[in-house]
């Protein structure tokens, strides 16, 4: 199974329908923005419990939210091909189920730092954080606490960054849509 990213969702294109049933384009596009925002948050990290954080007003969708979504149909207006949208959303559901299960079972480090998104290399180019060599053990607890605080701060900044990028991209799409 291929894990979708927010870029995959941003770049998906569906065949337009006319004079036959389709899904309302604006409604589908709006829902895709929410999915992309969710994936950005999940890519940015999880909170200390291992669950995705609901940061700064971003509603993190679940696989069940996507699976239960119903779109308004179109017949005489241009819409999106229903089978294509449904197939893509099935793939989104698979991705979210995988991410939900992985984040809950293994926590932040195992899920994001060790496997699926970037082959185990974190945003700073190293595979993991290691204690400096040659320590005699006296400052290990303080060092571990400082590293944990730093990692938490970095995760918060990454989440805020993902939220702001999602907002910017959504605003840009709205501007393009309305020809501003």
N, C-alpha and C. Protein backbone atom coordinates (compact mmCIF):
# COMPACT_ATOMS: atom_id res chain seq x y z
N UNK A 1 0.84 -1.18 0.00
CA UNK A 1 0.00 0.00 0.00
C UNK A 1 0.89 1.25 0.00
N UNK A 2 0.57 2.19 -0.84
CA UNK A 2 1.27 3.46 -0.89
C UNK A 2 0.58 4.45 0.03
N UNK A 3 1.37 5.09 0.87
CA UNK A 3 0.83 6.08 1.80
C UNK A 3 0.73 7.41 1.06
N UNK A 4 -0.45 8.00 1.08
CA UNK A 4 -0.64 9.31 0.45
C UNK A 4 -0.04 10.40 1.31
N UNK A 5 0.40 11.45 0.66
CA UNK A 5 0.88 12.64 1.36
C UNK A 5 -0.06 13.80 1.05
N UNK A 6 0.14 14.91 1.74
CA UNK A 6 -0.69 16.08 1.46
C UNK A 6 -0.48 16.57 0.03
N UNK A 7 0.72 16.40 -0.50
CA UNK A 7 0.97 16.78 -1.90
C UNK A 7 0.15 15.94 -2.87
N UNK A 8 0.01 14.66 -2.57
CA UNK A 8 -0.81 13.80 -3.42
C UNK A 8 -2.25 14.31 -3.47
N UNK A 9 -2.75 14.72 -2.31
CA UNK A 9 -4.13 15.21 -2.24
C UNK A 9 -4.24 16.55 -2.96
N UNK A 10 -3.26 17.43 -2.76
CA UNK A 10 -3.28 18.74 -3.42
C UNK A 10 -3.24 18.62 -4.95
N UNK A 11 -2.57 17.60 -5.44
CA UNK A 11 -2.35 17.49 -6.88
C UNK A 11 -3.30 16.54 -7.60
N UNK A 12 -4.23 15.94 -6.90
CA UNK A 12 -5.14 15.00 -7.56
C UNK A 12 -6.09 15.77 -8.49
N UNK A 13 -6.38 15.19 -9.64
CA UNK A 13 -7.31 15.78 -10.60
C UNK A 13 -8.31 14.70 -11.00
N UNK A 14 -9.57 15.12 -11.10
CA UNK A 14 -10.64 14.20 -11.47
C UNK A 14 -11.22 14.61 -12.82
N UNK A 15 -11.76 13.64 -13.55
CA UNK A 15 -12.42 13.91 -14.81
C UNK A 15 -13.72 14.67 -14.55
N UNK A 16 -13.94 15.71 -15.33
CA UNK A 16 -15.16 16.50 -15.19
C UNK A 16 -16.31 15.80 -15.92
N UNK A 17 -17.49 15.86 -15.34
CA UNK A 17 -18.69 15.29 -15.96
C UNK A 17 -19.63 16.43 -16.33
N UNK A 18 -20.44 16.18 -17.34
CA UNK A 18 -21.47 17.14 -17.71
C UNK A 18 -22.60 16.35 -18.36
N UNK A 19 -23.81 16.65 -17.99
CA UNK A 19 -25.01 15.97 -18.47
C UNK A 19 -25.08 14.51 -18.02
N UNK A 20 -24.34 14.18 -16.99
CA UNK A 20 -24.47 12.90 -16.32
C UNK A 20 -24.08 13.11 -14.87
N UNK A 21 -24.39 12.14 -14.04
CA UNK A 21 -24.17 12.33 -12.61
C UNK A 21 -22.70 12.46 -12.26
N UNK A 22 -22.45 13.39 -11.36
CA UNK A 22 -21.11 13.61 -10.83
C UNK A 22 -21.25 14.15 -9.42
N UNK A 23 -20.11 14.46 -8.82
CA UNK A 23 -20.12 15.08 -7.49
C UNK A 23 -19.87 16.57 -7.64
N UNK A 24 -20.51 17.35 -6.78
CA UNK A 24 -20.35 18.80 -6.75
C UNK A 24 -18.88 19.14 -6.56
N UNK A 25 -18.29 19.85 -7.53
CA UNK A 25 -16.85 20.12 -7.53
C UNK A 25 -16.39 20.91 -6.32
N UNK A 26 -17.10 21.98 -6.01
CA UNK A 26 -16.69 22.82 -4.87
C UNK A 26 -16.70 22.03 -3.57
N UNK A 27 -17.69 21.19 -3.40
CA UNK A 27 -17.80 20.39 -2.18
C UNK A 27 -16.65 19.39 -2.07
N UNK A 28 -16.31 18.75 -3.19
CA UNK A 28 -15.19 17.79 -3.20
C UNK A 28 -13.88 18.53 -2.94
N UNK A 29 -13.66 19.66 -3.62
CA UNK A 29 -12.43 20.43 -3.42
C UNK A 29 -12.26 20.89 -1.98
N UNK A 30 -13.35 21.33 -1.38
CA UNK A 30 -13.31 21.78 0.01
C UNK A 30 -12.94 20.62 0.94
N UNK A 31 -13.51 19.45 0.70
CA UNK A 31 -13.20 18.29 1.53
C UNK A 31 -11.75 17.85 1.31
N UNK A 32 -11.26 17.94 0.09
CA UNK A 32 -9.86 17.59 -0.18
C UNK A 32 -8.90 18.52 0.57
N UNK A 33 -9.26 19.79 0.72
CA UNK A 33 -8.43 20.72 1.50
C UNK A 33 -8.35 20.26 2.96
N UNK A 34 -9.47 19.78 3.49
CA UNK A 34 -9.48 19.29 4.88
C UNK A 34 -8.61 18.04 5.01
N UNK A 35 -8.68 17.16 4.01
CA UNK A 35 -7.86 15.95 4.03
C UNK A 35 -6.38 16.32 3.97
N UNK A 36 -6.02 17.24 3.08
CA UNK A 36 -4.62 17.66 2.95
C UNK A 36 -4.13 18.27 4.27
N UNK A 37 -4.96 19.09 4.91
CA UNK A 37 -4.59 19.68 6.20
C UNK A 37 -4.36 18.59 7.25
N UNK A 38 -5.23 17.59 7.25
CA UNK A 38 -5.08 16.47 8.19
C UNK A 38 -3.76 15.76 7.96
N UNK A 39 -3.43 15.48 6.71
CA UNK A 39 -2.18 14.78 6.41
C UNK A 39 -0.97 15.64 6.77
N UNK A 40 -1.07 16.95 6.60
CA UNK A 40 0.03 17.83 7.01
C UNK A 40 0.26 17.75 8.51
N UNK A 41 -0.83 17.76 9.27
CA UNK A 41 -0.71 17.66 10.72
C UNK A 41 -0.10 16.31 11.10
N UNK A 42 -0.58 15.25 10.47
CA UNK A 42 -0.05 13.93 10.78
C UNK A 42 1.42 13.81 10.39
N UNK A 43 1.81 14.44 9.28
CA UNK A 43 3.21 14.42 8.87
C UNK A 43 4.07 15.24 9.82
N UNK A 44 3.50 16.31 10.37
CA UNK A 44 4.26 17.18 11.27
C UNK A 44 4.53 16.51 12.60
N UNK A 45 3.67 15.59 13.02
CA UNK A 45 3.93 14.88 14.27
C UNK A 45 2.68 14.59 15.05
N UNK A 46 2.92 14.02 16.19
CA UNK A 46 1.86 13.67 17.11
C UNK A 46 2.18 14.28 18.46
N UNK A 47 1.19 14.30 19.34
CA UNK A 47 1.46 14.82 20.67
C UNK A 47 2.04 13.72 21.55
N UNK A 48 2.27 14.01 22.81
CA UNK A 48 2.96 13.07 23.69
C UNK A 48 2.21 11.77 23.92
N UNK A 49 0.92 11.74 23.63
CA UNK A 49 0.16 10.50 23.80
C UNK A 49 0.29 9.59 22.60
N UNK A 50 0.87 10.09 21.49
CA UNK A 50 0.98 9.29 20.29
C UNK A 50 -0.17 9.51 19.33
N UNK A 51 -1.14 10.33 19.72
CA UNK A 51 -2.27 10.63 18.85
C UNK A 51 -2.03 11.95 18.15
N UNK A 52 -2.59 12.11 16.97
CA UNK A 52 -2.42 13.36 16.23
C UNK A 52 -3.04 14.50 17.02
N UNK A 53 -2.34 15.61 17.06
CA UNK A 53 -2.83 16.79 17.77
C UNK A 53 -3.83 17.55 16.92
N UNK A 54 -4.79 18.16 17.58
CA UNK A 54 -5.74 19.05 16.92
C UNK A 54 -5.24 20.47 17.20
N UNK A 55 -4.35 20.97 16.31
CA UNK A 55 -3.68 22.23 16.59
C UNK A 55 -4.39 23.39 15.94
N UNK A 56 -4.36 24.50 16.61
CA UNK A 56 -4.79 25.80 16.08
C UNK A 56 -6.03 25.72 15.22
N UNK A 57 -7.01 24.96 15.66
CA UNK A 57 -8.28 24.94 14.95
C UNK A 57 -8.35 24.00 13.77
N UNK A 58 -7.29 23.24 13.48
CA UNK A 58 -7.33 22.28 12.39
C UNK A 58 -8.04 21.04 12.89
N UNK A 59 -9.17 20.72 12.27
CA UNK A 59 -9.88 19.49 12.65
C UNK A 59 -9.20 18.33 11.95
N UNK A 60 -8.67 17.44 12.73
CA UNK A 60 -8.00 16.27 12.18
C UNK A 60 -9.07 15.24 11.85
N UNK A 61 -9.19 14.94 10.56
CA UNK A 61 -10.18 13.96 10.12
C UNK A 61 -9.72 12.55 10.45
N UNK A 62 -10.67 11.67 10.65
CA UNK A 62 -10.36 10.26 10.84
C UNK A 62 -10.76 9.50 9.58
N UNK A 63 -10.34 8.26 9.50
CA UNK A 63 -10.73 7.41 8.37
C UNK A 63 -12.25 7.28 8.31
N UNK A 64 -12.90 7.20 9.46
CA UNK A 64 -14.36 7.10 9.49
C UNK A 64 -15.02 8.37 8.96
N UNK A 65 -14.43 9.54 9.25
CA UNK A 65 -14.97 10.80 8.71
C UNK A 65 -14.95 10.77 7.18
N UNK A 66 -13.85 10.30 6.62
CA UNK A 66 -13.73 10.26 5.16
C UNK A 66 -14.67 9.21 4.57
N UNK A 67 -14.72 8.05 5.22
CA UNK A 67 -15.56 6.97 4.71
C UNK A 67 -17.05 7.32 4.74
N UNK A 68 -17.46 8.10 5.70
CA UNK A 68 -18.89 8.42 5.83
C UNK A 68 -19.29 9.69 5.06
N UNK A 69 -18.34 10.36 4.42
CA UNK A 69 -18.64 11.61 3.71
C UNK A 69 -19.52 11.33 2.48
N UNK A 70 -20.58 12.10 2.36
CA UNK A 70 -21.48 12.02 1.20
C UNK A 70 -21.46 13.37 0.50
N UNK A 71 -21.32 13.34 -0.81
CA UNK A 71 -21.30 14.56 -1.60
C UNK A 71 -22.62 14.75 -2.33
N UNK A 72 -22.96 16.01 -2.56
CA UNK A 72 -24.14 16.34 -3.34
C UNK A 72 -23.87 15.99 -4.80
N UNK A 73 -24.85 15.38 -5.43
CA UNK A 73 -24.70 14.99 -6.83
C UNK A 73 -25.05 16.12 -7.78
N UNK A 74 -24.50 16.05 -8.98
CA UNK A 74 -24.83 17.00 -10.04
C UNK A 74 -25.30 16.21 -11.24
N UNK A 75 -26.11 16.82 -12.06
CA UNK A 75 -26.54 16.15 -13.28
C UNK A 75 -26.36 17.07 -14.48
N UNK A 76 -26.84 18.29 -14.40
CA UNK A 76 -26.77 19.20 -15.54
C UNK A 76 -25.65 20.22 -15.38
N UNK A 77 -25.02 20.26 -14.23
CA UNK A 77 -23.84 21.10 -14.00
C UNK A 77 -22.61 20.23 -14.10
N UNK A 78 -21.49 20.89 -14.29
CA UNK A 78 -20.24 20.15 -14.33
C UNK A 78 -19.93 19.63 -12.93
N UNK A 79 -19.49 18.39 -12.85
CA UNK A 79 -19.13 17.77 -11.59
C UNK A 79 -17.88 16.93 -11.77
N UNK A 80 -17.56 16.15 -10.75
CA UNK A 80 -16.42 15.23 -10.83
C UNK A 80 -16.95 13.81 -11.00
N UNK A 81 -16.22 13.01 -11.76
CA UNK A 81 -16.55 11.60 -11.98
C UNK A 81 -16.63 10.88 -10.63
N UNK A 82 -17.78 10.32 -10.33
CA UNK A 82 -18.02 9.73 -9.01
C UNK A 82 -17.09 8.56 -8.73
N UNK A 83 -16.88 7.68 -9.69
CA UNK A 83 -16.03 6.52 -9.44
C UNK A 83 -14.59 6.92 -9.13
N UNK A 84 -14.09 7.96 -9.81
CA UNK A 84 -12.72 8.42 -9.55
C UNK A 84 -12.60 9.00 -8.14
N UNK A 85 -13.56 9.82 -7.75
CA UNK A 85 -13.54 10.42 -6.41
C UNK A 85 -13.64 9.32 -5.36
N UNK A 86 -14.58 8.40 -5.55
CA UNK A 86 -14.77 7.31 -4.58
C UNK A 86 -13.50 6.46 -4.44
N UNK A 87 -12.87 6.16 -5.56
CA UNK A 87 -11.65 5.36 -5.53
C UNK A 87 -10.53 6.08 -4.79
N UNK A 88 -10.38 7.37 -5.07
CA UNK A 88 -9.36 8.14 -4.38
C UNK A 88 -9.63 8.21 -2.88
N UNK A 89 -10.88 8.43 -2.51
CA UNK A 89 -11.22 8.51 -1.09
C UNK A 89 -11.02 7.16 -0.39
N UNK A 90 -11.22 6.05 -1.11
CA UNK A 90 -10.90 4.73 -0.54
C UNK A 90 -9.42 4.65 -0.20
N UNK A 91 -8.59 5.20 -1.09
CA UNK A 91 -7.15 5.21 -0.84
C UNK A 91 -6.81 6.11 0.36
N UNK A 92 -7.51 7.24 0.48
CA UNK A 92 -7.32 8.12 1.64
C UNK A 92 -7.69 7.38 2.93
N UNK A 93 -8.80 6.65 2.91
CA UNK A 93 -9.23 5.89 4.08
C UNK A 93 -8.16 4.88 4.47
N UNK A 94 -7.61 4.16 3.49
CA UNK A 94 -6.54 3.19 3.78
C UNK A 94 -5.34 3.88 4.43
N UNK A 95 -4.96 5.03 3.88
CA UNK A 95 -3.83 5.78 4.42
C UNK A 95 -4.09 6.21 5.86
N UNK A 96 -5.28 6.77 6.09
CA UNK A 96 -5.60 7.24 7.45
C UNK A 96 -5.69 6.08 8.43
N UNK A 97 -6.25 4.97 8.01
CA UNK A 97 -6.31 3.80 8.91
C UNK A 97 -4.90 3.33 9.27
N UNK A 98 -4.03 3.32 8.29
CA UNK A 98 -2.64 2.93 8.54
C UNK A 98 -1.99 3.91 9.53
N UNK A 99 -2.16 5.20 9.25
CA UNK A 99 -1.54 6.21 10.11
C UNK A 99 -2.14 6.21 11.51
N UNK A 100 -3.46 6.05 11.61
CA UNK A 100 -4.11 6.00 12.91
C UNK A 100 -3.61 4.81 13.71
N UNK A 101 -3.52 3.66 13.09
CA UNK A 101 -3.06 2.46 13.78
C UNK A 101 -1.60 2.56 14.17
N UNK A 102 -0.77 3.08 13.26
CA UNK A 102 0.65 3.20 13.53
C UNK A 102 0.95 4.21 14.60
N UNK A 103 0.27 5.35 14.57
CA UNK A 103 0.53 6.39 15.56
C UNK A 103 0.10 5.94 16.95
N UNK A 104 -1.01 5.21 17.03
CA UNK A 104 -1.49 4.76 18.33
C UNK A 104 -0.63 3.63 18.86
N UNK A 105 -0.20 2.73 17.98
CA UNK A 105 0.54 1.56 18.44
C UNK A 105 1.99 1.87 18.75
N UNK A 106 2.62 2.75 17.97
CA UNK A 106 4.05 2.89 18.12
C UNK A 106 4.52 4.27 18.54
N UNK A 107 3.67 5.26 18.58
CA UNK A 107 4.06 6.58 19.01
C UNK A 107 4.84 7.35 17.96
N UNK A 108 5.25 8.56 18.32
CA UNK A 108 5.86 9.49 17.38
C UNK A 108 7.14 8.96 16.77
N UNK A 109 8.09 8.54 17.57
CA UNK A 109 9.40 8.18 17.04
C UNK A 109 9.33 7.01 16.06
N UNK A 110 8.62 5.95 16.45
CA UNK A 110 8.58 4.78 15.58
C UNK A 110 7.83 5.07 14.29
N UNK A 111 6.76 5.84 14.38
CA UNK A 111 5.94 6.10 13.19
C UNK A 111 6.60 7.10 12.26
N UNK A 112 6.98 8.26 12.77
CA UNK A 112 7.42 9.32 11.88
C UNK A 112 8.93 9.34 11.73
N UNK A 113 9.65 9.04 12.76
CA UNK A 113 11.10 9.11 12.65
C UNK A 113 11.72 7.85 12.13
N UNK A 114 11.00 6.73 12.18
CA UNK A 114 11.64 5.47 11.88
C UNK A 114 11.16 4.73 10.67
N UNK A 115 10.05 5.14 10.02
CA UNK A 115 9.64 4.25 8.94
C UNK A 115 9.09 4.93 7.72
N UNK A 116 7.85 5.38 7.74
CA UNK A 116 7.15 5.53 6.49
C UNK A 116 7.39 6.81 5.71
N UNK A 117 7.49 7.97 6.32
CA UNK A 117 7.48 9.19 5.52
C UNK A 117 8.77 9.43 4.79
N UNK A 118 9.90 9.24 5.47
CA UNK A 118 11.13 9.66 4.83
C UNK A 118 12.25 8.66 5.05
N UNK A 119 11.94 7.42 5.20
CA UNK A 119 12.96 6.40 5.32
C UNK A 119 13.79 6.51 6.58
N UNK A 120 13.27 7.13 7.64
CA UNK A 120 13.98 7.17 8.90
C UNK A 120 14.86 8.39 9.09
N UNK A 121 14.94 9.27 8.12
CA UNK A 121 15.74 10.47 8.26
C UNK A 121 14.83 11.59 8.68
N UNK A 122 15.17 12.25 9.78
CA UNK A 122 14.31 13.32 10.26
C UNK A 122 14.55 14.60 9.48
N UNK A 123 13.83 15.65 9.83
CA UNK A 123 13.88 16.90 9.08
C UNK A 123 15.26 17.56 9.11
N UNK A 124 16.10 17.12 10.02
CA UNK A 124 17.41 17.74 10.14
C UNK A 124 18.51 16.89 9.54
N UNK A 125 18.14 15.82 8.84
CA UNK A 125 19.11 15.05 8.08
C UNK A 125 19.77 13.91 8.82
N UNK A 126 19.49 13.70 10.10
CA UNK A 126 20.10 12.58 10.80
C UNK A 126 19.04 11.53 11.08
N UNK A 127 19.49 10.30 11.22
CA UNK A 127 18.55 9.21 11.41
C UNK A 127 17.97 9.18 12.81
N UNK A 128 18.70 9.64 13.80
CA UNK A 128 18.18 9.67 15.17
C UNK A 128 19.05 10.58 16.01
N UNK A 129 18.61 10.83 17.22
CA UNK A 129 19.39 11.63 18.14
C UNK A 129 20.17 10.68 19.04
N UNK A 130 21.43 10.98 19.27
CA UNK A 130 22.24 10.13 20.14
C UNK A 130 22.90 11.00 21.19
N UNK A 131 23.10 10.41 22.36
CA UNK A 131 23.80 11.13 23.42
C UNK A 131 25.25 11.31 23.01
N UNK A 132 25.87 12.40 23.44
CA UNK A 132 27.27 12.61 23.10
C UNK A 132 28.12 11.50 23.70
N UNK A 133 29.12 11.08 22.97
CA UNK A 133 29.96 9.99 23.47
C UNK A 133 30.88 10.53 24.57
N UNK A 134 31.30 9.62 25.43
CA UNK A 134 32.23 9.98 26.50
C UNK A 134 31.56 10.52 27.75
N UNK A 135 30.24 10.45 27.86
CA UNK A 135 29.60 10.92 29.08
C UNK A 135 29.76 9.86 30.16
N UNK A 136 29.90 10.32 31.39
CA UNK A 136 30.08 9.38 32.49
C UNK A 136 28.78 9.00 33.18
N UNK A 137 27.63 9.46 32.68
CA UNK A 137 26.34 9.07 33.23
C UNK A 137 25.78 10.06 34.23
N UNK A 138 26.55 11.05 34.67
CA UNK A 138 26.06 11.96 35.69
C UNK A 138 25.02 12.93 35.16
N UNK A 139 25.12 13.33 33.91
CA UNK A 139 24.17 14.29 33.36
C UNK A 139 23.17 13.67 32.41
N UNK A 140 23.09 12.34 32.38
CA UNK A 140 22.22 11.68 31.41
C UNK A 140 20.75 12.04 31.59
N UNK A 141 20.27 12.12 32.81
CA UNK A 141 18.86 12.43 33.04
C UNK A 141 18.55 13.86 32.61
N UNK A 142 19.45 14.79 32.95
CA UNK A 142 19.25 16.18 32.54
C UNK A 142 19.34 16.30 31.02
N UNK A 143 20.27 15.60 30.44
CA UNK A 143 20.43 15.62 28.99
C UNK A 143 19.18 15.07 28.31
N UNK A 144 18.68 13.96 28.81
CA UNK A 144 17.47 13.34 28.23
C UNK A 144 16.27 14.27 28.36
N UNK A 145 16.15 14.96 29.49
CA UNK A 145 15.04 15.90 29.68
C UNK A 145 15.16 17.07 28.71
N UNK A 146 16.37 17.58 28.53
CA UNK A 146 16.59 18.70 27.60
C UNK A 146 16.26 18.27 26.17
N UNK A 147 16.66 17.08 25.80
CA UNK A 147 16.35 16.56 24.45
C UNK A 147 14.85 16.40 24.28
N UNK A 148 14.17 15.89 25.29
CA UNK A 148 12.72 15.71 25.21
C UNK A 148 12.02 17.05 25.05
N UNK A 149 12.46 18.05 25.81
CA UNK A 149 11.87 19.39 25.70
C UNK A 149 12.12 19.98 24.32
N UNK A 150 13.34 19.81 23.82
CA UNK A 150 13.66 20.31 22.49
C UNK A 150 12.81 19.63 21.43
N UNK A 151 12.67 18.30 21.52
CA UNK A 151 11.87 17.56 20.55
C UNK A 151 10.41 17.99 20.60
N UNK A 152 9.89 18.24 21.79
CA UNK A 152 8.51 18.68 21.92
C UNK A 152 8.34 20.06 21.29
N UNK A 153 9.29 20.94 21.52
CA UNK A 153 9.24 22.28 20.94
C UNK A 153 9.30 22.22 19.41
N UNK A 154 10.18 21.38 18.88
CA UNK A 154 10.30 21.21 17.43
C UNK A 154 9.00 20.67 16.85
N UNK A 155 8.39 19.70 17.52
CA UNK A 155 7.13 19.13 17.04
C UNK A 155 6.03 20.18 17.02
N UNK A 156 5.98 21.03 18.05
CA UNK A 156 4.98 22.10 18.08
C UNK A 156 5.20 23.08 16.93
N UNK A 157 6.44 23.44 16.67
CA UNK A 157 6.74 24.36 15.58
C UNK A 157 6.40 23.73 14.23
N UNK A 158 6.67 22.44 14.07
CA UNK A 158 6.34 21.77 12.82
C UNK A 158 4.84 21.74 12.61
N UNK A 159 4.08 21.51 13.67
CA UNK A 159 2.63 21.50 13.56
C UNK A 159 2.10 22.88 13.19
N UNK A 160 2.64 23.91 13.82
CA UNK A 160 2.21 25.26 13.49
C UNK A 160 2.57 25.60 12.05
N UNK A 161 3.75 25.20 11.62
CA UNK A 161 4.18 25.42 10.25
C UNK A 161 3.24 24.72 9.27
N UNK A 162 2.88 23.47 9.54
CA UNK A 162 1.97 22.72 8.66
C UNK A 162 0.61 23.40 8.59
N UNK A 163 0.12 23.88 9.70
CA UNK A 163 -1.17 24.57 9.71
C UNK A 163 -1.10 25.84 8.87
N UNK A 164 -0.05 26.64 9.07
CA UNK A 164 0.07 27.89 8.32
C UNK A 164 0.24 27.64 6.83
N UNK A 165 0.99 26.60 6.46
CA UNK A 165 1.12 26.26 5.04
C UNK A 165 -0.22 25.85 4.44
N UNK A 166 -0.98 25.07 5.19
CA UNK A 166 -2.30 24.64 4.71
C UNK A 166 -3.21 25.84 4.51
N UNK A 167 -3.20 26.78 5.44
CA UNK A 167 -4.02 27.98 5.32
C UNK A 167 -3.59 28.81 4.11
N UNK A 168 -2.29 28.96 3.92
CA UNK A 168 -1.78 29.73 2.79
C UNK A 168 -2.18 29.09 1.47
N UNK A 169 -2.00 27.78 1.37
CA UNK A 169 -2.35 27.08 0.13
C UNK A 169 -3.85 27.15 -0.15
N UNK A 170 -4.66 27.05 0.88
CA UNK A 170 -6.11 27.15 0.70
C UNK A 170 -6.49 28.55 0.22
N UNK A 171 -5.85 29.56 0.78
CA UNK A 171 -6.13 30.94 0.36
C UNK A 171 -5.68 31.16 -1.08
N UNK A 172 -4.55 30.60 -1.46
CA UNK A 172 -4.07 30.73 -2.84
C UNK A 172 -5.03 30.05 -3.81
N UNK A 173 -5.53 28.87 -3.43
CA UNK A 173 -6.48 28.17 -4.30
C UNK A 173 -7.77 28.96 -4.46
N UNK A 174 -8.22 29.57 -3.37
CA UNK A 174 -9.44 30.39 -3.45
C UNK A 174 -9.21 31.58 -4.37
N UNK A 175 -8.06 32.21 -4.29
CA UNK A 175 -7.74 33.33 -5.15
C UNK A 175 -7.70 32.91 -6.62
N UNK A 176 -7.09 31.75 -6.89
CA UNK A 176 -7.04 31.25 -8.26
C UNK A 176 -8.42 30.91 -8.78
N UNK A 177 -9.25 30.33 -7.91
CA UNK A 177 -10.60 29.93 -8.31
C UNK A 177 -11.45 31.12 -8.70
N UNK A 178 -11.30 32.22 -7.99
CA UNK A 178 -12.15 33.37 -8.22
C UNK A 178 -11.45 34.46 -9.04
N UNK A 179 -10.29 34.13 -9.60
CA UNK A 179 -9.64 35.01 -10.53
C UNK A 179 -9.13 36.32 -9.96
N UNK A 180 -8.67 36.30 -8.72
CA UNK A 180 -8.19 37.55 -8.12
C UNK A 180 -6.75 37.81 -8.47
